[in-house]
Amino acid sequence: MFTAPGIGLLVLSPLTLPVALGCFAHAWIVPWLQARRGARSVVPLGSERSGQAADPAAEGVALGLLGDLVGHRERDLLSRTGLAVQRGELGVWLVGERGALLVRPGGRRVDCWCVRVAETDGLPAGDRIAHLLLALREDEPGFAMVANLGFSGATWRVRRGLSESSRPALAEARAMARANHRGGFAA
């Protein structure tokens, strides 16, 4: 966005180089910061940014119920990355305790959504993800309407802002979005 004005300034006069450099820096820094903020809006299960821990017994039950909501492959991904994957009409979703990523069909763009369960006092982490996952399944367009869009952009930009442990989930969602894009998207 700011690259074109920087080039335009240089074409008009080489004396505008300092201002053009400011435009180039702005064009690089702002998307980087926004993508990082968007990626951090998704809190993986059990991360250091996770909500307060519930009773260990309740946490175990919640994880068991969450495991029942997803398939075997998705359960394995959830245990490795802390993010639950869900195919939808709009793309492939990655749902965390707070927030969700939507990998659009084709896998090139990601939307980062800030959303959380309203009442989290004592609610196990698995239940927070299950609530968001069920809301997503019930009304995907409504889920996207209620959530706050934090960033929308290239997958590689969001990937850099994710934790190392969550990056395989994004890669898996991207592969699913590419495969579904070629063969028609079905939930």
N, C-alpha and C. Protein backbone atom coordinates (compact mmCIF):
# COMPACT_ATOMS: atom_id res chain seq x y z
N MET A 1 0.82 -1.18 0.00
CA MET A 1 0.00 0.00 0.00
C MET A 1 0.87 1.26 0.00
N PHE A 2 1.92 1.27 0.80
CA PHE A 2 2.79 2.44 0.85
C PHE A 2 4.01 2.31 -0.04
N THR A 3 4.13 1.21 -0.74
CA THR A 3 5.25 1.04 -1.65
C THR A 3 5.10 1.95 -2.86
N ALA A 4 3.89 2.01 -3.42
CA ALA A 4 3.65 2.85 -4.60
C ALA A 4 3.93 4.33 -4.33
N PRO A 5 3.46 4.90 -3.21
CA PRO A 5 3.82 6.31 -2.95
C PRO A 5 5.32 6.52 -2.81
N GLY A 6 6.01 5.54 -2.20
CA GLY A 6 7.47 5.66 -2.07
C GLY A 6 8.14 5.69 -3.42
N ILE A 7 7.71 4.82 -4.32
CA ILE A 7 8.27 4.80 -5.67
C ILE A 7 7.93 6.08 -6.40
N GLY A 8 6.67 6.54 -6.22
CA GLY A 8 6.25 7.80 -6.86
C GLY A 8 7.09 8.98 -6.40
N LEU A 9 7.39 9.02 -5.13
CA LEU A 9 8.22 10.11 -4.61
C LEU A 9 9.62 10.07 -5.22
N LEU A 10 10.18 8.87 -5.35
CA LEU A 10 11.51 8.76 -5.94
C LEU A 10 11.51 9.14 -7.41
N VAL A 11 10.43 8.83 -8.11
CA VAL A 11 10.33 9.19 -9.53
C VAL A 11 10.25 10.71 -9.67
N LEU A 12 9.50 11.35 -8.79
CA LEU A 12 9.35 12.80 -8.86
C LEU A 12 10.66 13.53 -8.57
N SER A 13 11.36 13.04 -7.52
CA SER A 13 12.61 13.70 -7.16
C SER A 13 13.43 12.78 -6.26
N PRO A 14 14.69 12.58 -6.60
CA PRO A 14 15.55 11.77 -5.73
C PRO A 14 15.76 12.40 -4.35
N LEU A 15 15.48 13.68 -4.22
CA LEU A 15 15.64 14.35 -2.92
C LEU A 15 14.61 13.87 -1.90
N THR A 16 13.57 13.22 -2.36
CA THR A 16 12.54 12.72 -1.44
C THR A 16 12.89 11.33 -0.89
N LEU A 17 14.13 10.90 -1.07
CA LEU A 17 14.54 9.57 -0.60
C LEU A 17 14.23 9.32 0.87
N PRO A 18 14.47 10.24 1.79
CA PRO A 18 14.14 9.96 3.19
C PRO A 18 12.64 9.68 3.41
N VAL A 19 11.80 10.43 2.76
CA VAL A 19 10.35 10.21 2.89
C VAL A 19 9.97 8.89 2.22
N ALA A 20 10.56 8.60 1.08
CA ALA A 20 10.29 7.34 0.39
C ALA A 20 10.71 6.15 1.25
N LEU A 21 11.86 6.26 1.93
CA LEU A 21 12.30 5.19 2.83
C LEU A 21 11.31 5.00 3.97
N GLY A 22 10.75 6.10 4.45
CA GLY A 22 9.71 6.01 5.48
C GLY A 22 8.48 5.28 4.96
N CYS A 23 8.12 5.53 3.72
CA CYS A 23 6.98 4.82 3.11
C CYS A 23 7.28 3.33 2.99
N PHE A 24 8.49 2.99 2.58
CA PHE A 24 8.86 1.58 2.44
C PHE A 24 8.87 0.88 3.80
N ALA A 25 9.38 1.57 4.82
CA ALA A 25 9.40 0.99 6.16
C ALA A 25 7.97 0.78 6.66
N HIS A 26 7.12 1.74 6.41
CA HIS A 26 5.72 1.63 6.80
C HIS A 26 5.05 0.45 6.09
N ALA A 27 5.35 0.29 4.81
CA ALA A 27 4.77 -0.81 4.03
C ALA A 27 5.23 -2.18 4.54
N TRP A 28 6.37 -2.25 5.18
CA TRP A 28 6.87 -3.53 5.70
C TRP A 28 6.43 -3.75 7.15
N ILE A 29 6.52 -2.72 7.99
CA ILE A 29 6.28 -2.88 9.42
C ILE A 29 4.80 -3.07 9.76
N VAL A 30 3.91 -2.31 9.17
CA VAL A 30 2.50 -2.39 9.54
C VAL A 30 1.90 -3.76 9.24
N PRO A 31 2.08 -4.35 8.05
CA PRO A 31 1.54 -5.71 7.86
C PRO A 31 2.18 -6.74 8.78
N TRP A 32 3.45 -6.59 9.08
CA TRP A 32 4.12 -7.51 9.99
C TRP A 32 3.50 -7.45 11.38
N LEU A 33 3.29 -6.23 11.89
CA LEU A 33 2.68 -6.07 13.21
C LEU A 33 1.25 -6.59 13.24
N GLN A 34 0.48 -6.29 12.21
CA GLN A 34 -0.92 -6.73 12.18
C GLN A 34 -1.02 -8.25 12.09
N ALA A 35 -0.17 -8.87 11.28
CA ALA A 35 -0.18 -10.34 11.16
C ALA A 35 0.22 -10.98 12.48
N ARG A 36 1.18 -10.41 13.15
CA ARG A 36 1.61 -10.94 14.45
C ARG A 36 0.49 -10.83 15.46
N ARG A 37 -0.17 -9.69 15.48
CA ARG A 37 -1.30 -9.50 16.39
C ARG A 37 -2.42 -10.47 16.07
N GLY A 38 -2.70 -10.68 14.79
CA GLY A 38 -3.74 -11.62 14.39
C GLY A 38 -3.41 -13.04 14.79
N ALA A 39 -2.16 -13.44 14.60
CA ALA A 39 -1.75 -14.80 14.96
C ALA A 39 -1.82 -15.01 16.47
N ARG A 40 -1.51 -13.98 17.23
CA ARG A 40 -1.55 -14.11 18.69
C ARG A 40 -2.97 -14.07 19.24
N SER A 41 -3.95 -13.74 18.41
CA SER A 41 -5.34 -13.74 18.88
C SER A 41 -5.85 -15.16 19.11
N VAL A 42 -5.19 -16.14 18.55
CA VAL A 42 -5.56 -17.54 18.74
C VAL A 42 -4.69 -18.12 19.85
N VAL A 43 -5.34 -18.57 20.91
CA VAL A 43 -4.63 -19.13 22.05
C VAL A 43 -4.78 -20.66 22.00
N PRO A 44 -3.69 -21.37 21.74
CA PRO A 44 -3.77 -22.83 21.70
C PRO A 44 -4.06 -23.44 23.08
N LEU A 45 -4.66 -24.59 23.06
CA LEU A 45 -4.96 -25.34 24.27
C LEU A 45 -3.68 -25.60 25.06
N GLY A 46 -3.70 -25.20 26.32
CA GLY A 46 -2.56 -25.47 27.19
C GLY A 46 -1.36 -24.56 27.02
N SER A 47 -1.50 -23.46 26.28
CA SER A 47 -0.36 -22.56 26.11
C SER A 47 -0.18 -21.70 27.36
N GLU A 48 0.92 -20.96 27.40
CA GLU A 48 1.18 -20.09 28.54
C GLU A 48 0.17 -18.95 28.64
N ARG A 49 -0.50 -18.62 27.56
CA ARG A 49 -1.52 -17.57 27.55
C ARG A 49 -2.91 -18.13 27.81
N SER A 50 -2.97 -19.40 28.12
CA SER A 50 -4.24 -20.07 28.39
C SER A 50 -4.90 -19.48 29.63
N GLY A 51 -6.21 -19.63 29.71
CA GLY A 51 -6.95 -19.13 30.86
C GLY A 51 -6.56 -19.88 32.12
N GLN A 52 -7.14 -19.46 33.22
CA GLN A 52 -6.81 -20.09 34.50
C GLN A 52 -7.17 -21.57 34.47
N ALA A 53 -6.36 -22.36 35.11
CA ALA A 53 -6.55 -23.81 35.11
C ALA A 53 -7.75 -24.18 35.97
N ALA A 54 -8.52 -25.10 35.47
CA ALA A 54 -9.66 -25.61 36.22
C ALA A 54 -9.21 -26.82 37.02
N ASP A 55 -10.13 -27.42 37.68
CA ASP A 55 -9.89 -28.65 38.42
C ASP A 55 -9.33 -29.69 37.45
N PRO A 56 -8.24 -30.38 37.78
CA PRO A 56 -7.64 -31.36 36.86
C PRO A 56 -8.63 -32.44 36.40
N ALA A 57 -9.52 -32.87 37.28
CA ALA A 57 -10.52 -33.88 36.89
C ALA A 57 -11.47 -33.30 35.84
N ALA A 58 -11.91 -32.06 36.07
CA ALA A 58 -12.81 -31.41 35.11
C ALA A 58 -12.10 -31.18 33.78
N GLU A 59 -10.82 -30.85 33.85
CA GLU A 59 -10.03 -30.64 32.63
C GLU A 59 -9.95 -31.92 31.81
N GLY A 60 -9.75 -33.05 32.49
CA GLY A 60 -9.69 -34.34 31.80
C GLY A 60 -11.00 -34.70 31.13
N VAL A 61 -12.11 -34.45 31.83
CA VAL A 61 -13.44 -34.73 31.25
C VAL A 61 -13.67 -33.82 30.05
N ALA A 62 -13.30 -32.54 30.17
CA ALA A 62 -13.50 -31.59 29.08
C ALA A 62 -12.69 -32.01 27.85
N LEU A 63 -11.46 -32.45 28.06
CA LEU A 63 -10.63 -32.89 26.93
C LEU A 63 -11.22 -34.14 26.28
N GLY A 64 -11.79 -35.03 27.10
CA GLY A 64 -12.43 -36.22 26.54
C GLY A 64 -13.63 -35.87 25.69
N LEU A 65 -14.45 -34.93 26.17
CA LEU A 65 -15.61 -34.50 25.39
C LEU A 65 -15.19 -33.76 24.11
N LEU A 66 -14.15 -32.95 24.22
CA LEU A 66 -13.64 -32.27 23.03
C LEU A 66 -13.12 -33.29 22.03
N GLY A 67 -12.43 -34.31 22.52
CA GLY A 67 -11.94 -35.36 21.63
C GLY A 67 -13.07 -36.08 20.90
N ASP A 68 -14.23 -36.18 21.56
CA ASP A 68 -15.39 -36.81 20.91
C ASP A 68 -15.97 -35.94 19.80
N LEU A 69 -15.74 -34.63 19.86
CA LEU A 69 -16.27 -33.72 18.84
C LEU A 69 -15.49 -33.76 17.54
N VAL A 70 -14.25 -34.19 17.60
CA VAL A 70 -13.39 -34.19 16.41
C VAL A 70 -13.04 -35.62 16.03
N GLY A 71 -12.60 -35.82 14.80
CA GLY A 71 -12.20 -37.14 14.33
C GLY A 71 -10.81 -37.52 14.83
N HIS A 72 -10.37 -38.71 14.47
CA HIS A 72 -9.07 -39.21 14.92
C HIS A 72 -7.92 -38.33 14.46
N ARG A 73 -7.93 -37.98 13.19
CA ARG A 73 -6.84 -37.15 12.64
C ARG A 73 -6.83 -35.76 13.30
N GLU A 74 -8.02 -35.20 13.46
CA GLU A 74 -8.14 -33.88 14.09
C GLU A 74 -7.74 -33.94 15.56
N ARG A 75 -8.05 -35.04 16.24
CA ARG A 75 -7.69 -35.23 17.65
C ARG A 75 -6.17 -35.27 17.81
N ASP A 76 -5.50 -35.96 16.89
CA ASP A 76 -4.04 -36.01 16.93
C ASP A 76 -3.45 -34.62 16.72
N LEU A 77 -3.99 -33.88 15.76
CA LEU A 77 -3.52 -32.52 15.51
C LEU A 77 -3.77 -31.63 16.72
N LEU A 78 -4.93 -31.78 17.34
CA LEU A 78 -5.26 -31.00 18.54
C LEU A 78 -4.28 -31.28 19.67
N SER A 79 -3.94 -32.55 19.87
CA SER A 79 -3.01 -32.88 20.95
C SER A 79 -1.60 -32.35 20.68
N ARG A 80 -1.19 -32.30 19.40
CA ARG A 80 0.15 -31.82 19.06
C ARG A 80 0.25 -30.30 19.04
N THR A 81 -0.82 -29.62 18.58
CA THR A 81 -0.73 -28.19 18.32
C THR A 81 -1.58 -27.32 19.24
N GLY A 82 -2.59 -27.91 19.87
CA GLY A 82 -3.48 -27.14 20.73
C GLY A 82 -4.60 -26.45 19.97
N LEU A 83 -4.72 -26.70 18.67
CA LEU A 83 -5.76 -26.08 17.86
C LEU A 83 -6.64 -27.15 17.23
N ALA A 84 -7.95 -26.92 17.26
CA ALA A 84 -8.90 -27.85 16.67
C ALA A 84 -9.20 -27.41 15.24
N VAL A 85 -9.13 -28.34 14.30
CA VAL A 85 -9.38 -28.02 12.90
C VAL A 85 -10.82 -28.40 12.55
N GLN A 86 -11.47 -27.54 11.76
CA GLN A 86 -12.86 -27.76 11.37
C GLN A 86 -13.07 -27.25 9.94
N ARG A 87 -13.52 -28.14 9.06
CA ARG A 87 -13.89 -27.70 7.71
C ARG A 87 -15.22 -26.97 7.79
N GLY A 88 -15.36 -25.95 6.96
CA GLY A 88 -16.60 -25.19 6.94
C GLY A 88 -16.91 -24.69 5.55
N GLU A 89 -17.98 -23.93 5.44
CA GLU A 89 -18.38 -23.36 4.15
C GLU A 89 -17.41 -22.29 3.68
N LEU A 90 -16.87 -21.55 4.62
CA LEU A 90 -15.99 -20.42 4.28
C LEU A 90 -14.53 -20.83 4.10
N GLY A 91 -14.17 -22.01 4.60
CA GLY A 91 -12.78 -22.47 4.51
C GLY A 91 -12.51 -23.47 5.61
N VAL A 92 -11.26 -23.56 6.00
CA VAL A 92 -10.84 -24.46 7.07
C VAL A 92 -10.49 -23.62 8.29
N TRP A 93 -11.13 -23.92 9.40
CA TRP A 93 -10.97 -23.16 10.64
C TRP A 93 -9.99 -23.86 11.57
N LEU A 94 -9.21 -23.08 12.28
CA LEU A 94 -8.39 -23.55 13.39
C LEU A 94 -8.88 -22.81 14.63
N VAL A 95 -9.41 -23.55 15.59
CA VAL A 95 -10.04 -22.95 16.76
C VAL A 95 -9.18 -23.20 17.99
N GLY A 96 -8.92 -22.14 18.74
CA GLY A 96 -8.20 -22.23 19.99
C GLY A 96 -9.11 -21.86 21.15
N GLU A 97 -8.52 -21.73 22.34
CA GLU A 97 -9.31 -21.35 23.52
C GLU A 97 -9.91 -19.96 23.35
N ARG A 98 -9.16 -19.07 22.76
CA ARG A 98 -9.63 -17.74 22.42
C ARG A 98 -9.17 -17.48 21.00
N GLY A 99 -10.08 -17.28 20.11
CA GLY A 99 -9.74 -16.93 18.75
C GLY A 99 -9.78 -18.10 17.80
N ALA A 100 -9.77 -17.75 16.52
CA ALA A 100 -9.81 -18.76 15.46
C ALA A 100 -9.13 -18.20 14.22
N LEU A 101 -8.56 -19.09 13.44
CA LEU A 101 -7.98 -18.75 12.15
C LEU A 101 -8.84 -19.39 11.08
N LEU A 102 -9.12 -18.65 10.02
CA LEU A 102 -9.85 -19.19 8.89
C LEU A 102 -8.91 -19.20 7.70
N VAL A 103 -8.56 -20.41 7.24
CA VAL A 103 -7.75 -20.54 6.03
C VAL A 103 -8.72 -20.64 4.88
N ARG A 104 -8.67 -19.68 4.01
CA ARG A 104 -9.64 -19.61 2.91
C ARG A 104 -9.35 -20.67 1.86
N PRO A 105 -10.37 -21.01 1.05
CA PRO A 105 -10.15 -21.99 -0.03
C PRO A 105 -8.97 -21.59 -0.90
N GLY A 106 -8.12 -22.54 -1.19
CA GLY A 106 -6.89 -22.29 -1.93
C GLY A 106 -5.69 -22.22 -1.00
N GLY A 107 -5.90 -21.89 0.27
CA GLY A 107 -4.84 -21.91 1.27
C GLY A 107 -3.87 -20.75 1.23
N ARG A 108 -4.16 -19.71 0.46
CA ARG A 108 -3.20 -18.61 0.35
C ARG A 108 -3.47 -17.47 1.34
N ARG A 109 -4.71 -17.36 1.79
CA ARG A 109 -5.07 -16.26 2.70
C ARG A 109 -5.63 -16.82 4.00
N VAL A 110 -5.37 -16.09 5.07
CA VAL A 110 -5.85 -16.45 6.40
C VAL A 110 -6.53 -15.24 7.03
N ASP A 111 -7.66 -15.49 7.65
CA ASP A 111 -8.34 -14.46 8.45
C ASP A 111 -8.15 -14.84 9.91
N CYS A 112 -7.76 -13.89 10.74
CA CYS A 112 -7.55 -14.12 12.17
C CYS A 112 -8.70 -13.47 12.93
N TRP A 113 -9.41 -14.27 13.71
CA TRP A 113 -10.59 -13.81 14.41
C TRP A 113 -10.38 -13.84 15.92
N CYS A 114 -10.73 -12.76 16.59
CA CYS A 114 -10.73 -12.71 18.05
C CYS A 114 -12.13 -13.07 18.51
N VAL A 115 -12.24 -14.13 19.27
CA VAL A 115 -13.53 -14.56 19.81
C VAL A 115 -13.25 -15.42 21.02
N ARG A 116 -14.12 -15.33 22.01
CA ARG A 116 -13.94 -16.15 23.20
C ARG A 116 -15.29 -16.45 23.82
N VAL A 117 -15.29 -17.42 24.71
CA VAL A 117 -16.49 -17.77 25.46
C VAL A 117 -16.66 -16.72 26.55
N ALA A 118 -17.87 -16.20 26.71
CA ALA A 118 -18.11 -15.10 27.64
C ALA A 118 -17.82 -15.47 29.09
N GLU A 119 -18.33 -16.56 29.57
CA GLU A 119 -18.15 -16.97 30.96
C GLU A 119 -17.02 -17.98 31.05
N THR A 120 -15.84 -17.56 31.47
CA THR A 120 -14.70 -18.48 31.52
C THR A 120 -14.24 -18.79 32.93
N ASP A 121 -14.90 -18.26 33.97
CA ASP A 121 -14.49 -18.55 35.34
C ASP A 121 -14.59 -20.03 35.64
N GLY A 122 -13.46 -20.65 35.82
CA GLY A 122 -13.42 -22.05 36.17
C GLY A 122 -13.74 -23.01 35.03
N LEU A 123 -14.00 -22.50 33.84
CA LEU A 123 -14.32 -23.35 32.70
C LEU A 123 -13.04 -23.99 32.17
N PRO A 124 -13.00 -25.31 32.06
CA PRO A 124 -11.80 -25.97 31.55
C PRO A 124 -11.47 -25.52 30.13
N ALA A 125 -10.19 -25.55 29.79
CA ALA A 125 -9.72 -25.12 28.47
C ALA A 125 -10.39 -25.91 27.35
N GLY A 126 -10.55 -27.21 27.54
CA GLY A 126 -11.20 -28.04 26.53
C GLY A 126 -12.63 -27.61 26.28
N ASP A 127 -13.32 -27.17 27.33
CA ASP A 127 -14.70 -26.69 27.17
C ASP A 127 -14.75 -25.38 26.41
N ARG A 128 -13.75 -24.52 26.62
CA ARG A 128 -13.74 -23.25 25.88
C ARG A 128 -13.63 -23.51 24.38
N ILE A 129 -12.75 -24.45 24.01
CA ILE A 129 -12.62 -24.78 22.58
C ILE A 129 -13.89 -25.46 22.08
N ALA A 130 -14.45 -26.36 22.88
CA ALA A 130 -15.67 -27.06 22.47
C ALA A 130 -16.81 -26.08 22.25
N HIS A 131 -16.97 -25.08 23.11
CA HIS A 131 -18.03 -24.09 22.94
C HIS A 131 -17.86 -23.35 21.60
N LEU A 132 -16.63 -22.92 21.33
CA LEU A 132 -16.39 -22.20 20.08
C LEU A 132 -16.59 -23.10 18.87
N LEU A 133 -16.15 -24.34 18.98
CA LEU A 133 -16.29 -25.30 17.89
C LEU A 133 -17.77 -25.58 17.59
N LEU A 134 -18.56 -25.75 18.63
CA LEU A 134 -20.00 -26.00 18.44
C LEU A 134 -20.70 -24.77 17.87
N ALA A 135 -20.31 -23.58 18.32
CA ALA A 135 -20.89 -22.34 17.76
C ALA A 135 -20.55 -22.22 16.29
N LEU A 136 -19.33 -22.57 15.95
CA LEU A 136 -18.89 -22.52 14.55
C LEU A 136 -19.69 -23.50 13.69
N ARG A 137 -19.88 -24.70 14.20
CA ARG A 137 -20.63 -25.71 13.45
C ARG A 137 -22.09 -25.33 13.29
N GLU A 138 -22.66 -24.69 14.30
CA GLU A 138 -24.08 -24.34 14.27
C GLU A 138 -24.37 -23.23 13.26
N ASP A 139 -23.53 -22.20 13.25
CA ASP A 139 -23.80 -21.04 12.39
C ASP A 139 -22.47 -20.39 12.01
N GLU A 140 -21.84 -20.93 10.97
CA GLU A 140 -20.52 -20.43 10.57
C GLU A 140 -20.54 -18.97 10.14
N PRO A 141 -21.48 -18.54 9.28
CA PRO A 141 -21.50 -17.11 8.93
C PRO A 141 -21.78 -16.22 10.15
N GLY A 142 -22.64 -16.68 11.06
CA GLY A 142 -22.92 -15.92 12.27
C GLY A 142 -21.71 -15.85 13.18
N PHE A 143 -20.95 -16.94 13.25
CA PHE A 143 -19.72 -16.98 14.04
C PHE A 143 -18.75 -15.93 13.50
N ALA A 144 -18.59 -15.89 12.19
CA ALA A 144 -17.68 -14.92 11.58
C ALA A 144 -18.19 -13.49 11.77
N MET A 145 -19.50 -13.33 11.84
CA MET A 145 -20.07 -11.99 12.02
C MET A 145 -19.86 -11.49 13.45
N VAL A 146 -19.98 -12.38 14.42
CA VAL A 146 -19.85 -12.00 15.82
C VAL A 146 -18.39 -11.79 16.22
N ALA A 147 -17.50 -12.58 15.66
CA ALA A 147 -16.08 -12.48 16.00
C ALA A 147 -15.49 -11.20 15.41
N ASN A 148 -14.41 -10.74 16.00
CA ASN A 148 -13.72 -9.54 15.53
C ASN A 148 -12.57 -9.95 14.62
N LEU A 149 -12.59 -9.44 13.41
CA LEU A 149 -11.51 -9.73 12.46
C LEU A 149 -10.28 -8.91 12.85
N GLY A 150 -9.19 -9.63 13.18
CA GLY A 150 -7.96 -8.95 13.61
C GLY A 150 -6.97 -8.75 12.48
N PHE A 151 -6.97 -9.66 11.53
CA PHE A 151 -6.04 -9.57 10.41
C PHE A 151 -6.54 -10.47 9.29
N SER A 152 -6.30 -10.05 8.08
CA SER A 152 -6.58 -10.86 6.91
C SER A 152 -5.43 -10.66 5.95
N GLY A 153 -4.76 -11.76 5.62
CA GLY A 153 -3.62 -11.62 4.72
C GLY A 153 -3.00 -12.95 4.36
N ALA A 154 -1.78 -12.88 3.91
CA ALA A 154 -1.06 -14.06 3.41
C ALA A 154 -0.77 -15.05 4.54
N THR A 155 -0.86 -16.32 4.21
CA THR A 155 -0.61 -17.38 5.17
C THR A 155 0.79 -17.28 5.75
N TRP A 156 1.78 -16.96 4.93
CA TRP A 156 3.16 -16.91 5.41
C TRP A 156 3.33 -15.81 6.45
N ARG A 157 2.57 -14.73 6.35
CA ARG A 157 2.68 -13.66 7.35
C ARG A 157 2.16 -14.14 8.71
N VAL A 158 1.04 -14.84 8.69
CA VAL A 158 0.45 -15.34 9.93
C VAL A 158 1.32 -16.44 10.53
N ARG A 159 1.87 -17.29 9.69
CA ARG A 159 2.70 -18.40 10.16
C ARG A 159 3.86 -17.90 11.02
N ARG A 160 4.47 -16.78 10.61
CA ARG A 160 5.60 -16.24 11.37
C ARG A 160 5.20 -15.82 12.78
N GLY A 161 3.93 -15.43 12.96
CA GLY A 161 3.48 -14.98 14.28
C GLY A 161 3.00 -16.10 15.19
N LEU A 162 2.81 -17.29 14.64
CA LEU A 162 2.35 -18.42 15.45
C LEU A 162 3.51 -19.05 16.21
N SER A 163 3.19 -19.70 17.30
CA SER A 163 4.21 -20.44 18.04
C SER A 163 4.65 -21.63 17.21
N GLU A 164 5.84 -22.12 17.49
CA GLU A 164 6.37 -23.29 16.77
C GLU A 164 5.43 -24.48 16.85
N SER A 165 4.82 -24.68 18.00
CA SER A 165 3.94 -25.84 18.19
C SER A 165 2.65 -25.73 17.39
N SER A 166 2.20 -24.51 17.06
CA SER A 166 0.94 -24.33 16.33
C SER A 166 1.12 -24.30 14.82
N ARG A 167 2.32 -24.13 14.35
CA ARG A 167 2.56 -24.03 12.90
C ARG A 167 2.14 -25.27 12.12
N PRO A 168 2.31 -26.50 12.66
CA PRO A 168 1.83 -27.66 11.91
C PRO A 168 0.31 -27.65 11.68
N ALA A 169 -0.44 -27.05 12.61
CA ALA A 169 -1.89 -26.96 12.43
C ALA A 169 -2.22 -26.06 11.25
N LEU A 170 -1.50 -24.95 11.12
CA LEU A 170 -1.72 -24.06 9.98
C LEU A 170 -1.34 -24.76 8.68
N ALA A 171 -0.26 -25.51 8.69
CA ALA A 171 0.14 -26.24 7.48
C ALA A 171 -0.91 -27.28 7.10
N GLU A 172 -1.46 -27.97 8.08
CA GLU A 172 -2.51 -28.96 7.82
C GLU A 172 -3.77 -28.30 7.28
N ALA A 173 -4.18 -27.19 7.90
CA ALA A 173 -5.37 -26.47 7.44
C ALA A 173 -5.16 -25.94 6.03
N ARG A 174 -3.97 -25.48 5.74
CA ARG A 174 -3.67 -24.97 4.40
C ARG A 174 -3.75 -26.09 3.37
N ALA A 175 -3.23 -27.27 3.71
CA ALA A 175 -3.30 -28.42 2.80
C ALA A 175 -4.75 -28.82 2.58
N MET A 176 -5.55 -28.80 3.64
CA MET A 176 -6.97 -29.14 3.50
C MET A 176 -7.70 -28.11 2.63
N ALA A 177 -7.37 -26.84 2.81
CA ALA A 177 -8.01 -25.79 2.03
C ALA A 177 -7.65 -25.89 0.56
N ARG A 178 -6.40 -26.26 0.28
CA ARG A 178 -5.98 -26.46 -1.11
C ARG A 178 -6.70 -27.64 -1.74
N ALA A 179 -6.77 -28.74 -1.02
CA ALA A 179 -7.42 -29.95 -1.54
C ALA A 179 -8.91 -29.70 -1.76
N ASN A 180 -9.55 -29.02 -0.80
CA ASN A 180 -10.98 -28.75 -0.93
C ASN A 180 -11.26 -27.74 -2.03
N HIS A 181 -10.34 -26.84 -2.26
CA HIS A 181 -10.52 -25.83 -3.29
C HIS A 181 -10.54 -26.47 -4.68
N ARG A 182 -9.70 -27.48 -4.86
CA ARG A 182 -9.65 -28.17 -6.16
C ARG A 182 -10.87 -29.05 -6.36
N GLY A 183 -11.34 -29.68 -5.28
CA GLY A 183 -12.42 -30.66 -5.43
C GLY A 183 -13.77 -30.16 -5.00
N GLY A 184 -13.93 -28.86 -4.77
CA GLY A 184 -15.21 -28.34 -4.29
C GLY A 184 -15.23 -28.41 -2.77
N PHE A 185 -15.74 -27.40 -2.14
CA PHE A 185 -15.68 -27.33 -0.68
C PHE A 185 -16.92 -27.93 -0.09
N ALA A 186 -16.74 -28.91 0.76
CA ALA A 186 -17.85 -29.54 1.47
C ALA A 186 -17.52 -29.60 2.94
N ALA A 187 -18.47 -29.33 3.76
CA ALA A 187 -18.26 -29.35 5.21
C ALA A 187 -18.14 -30.74 5.72
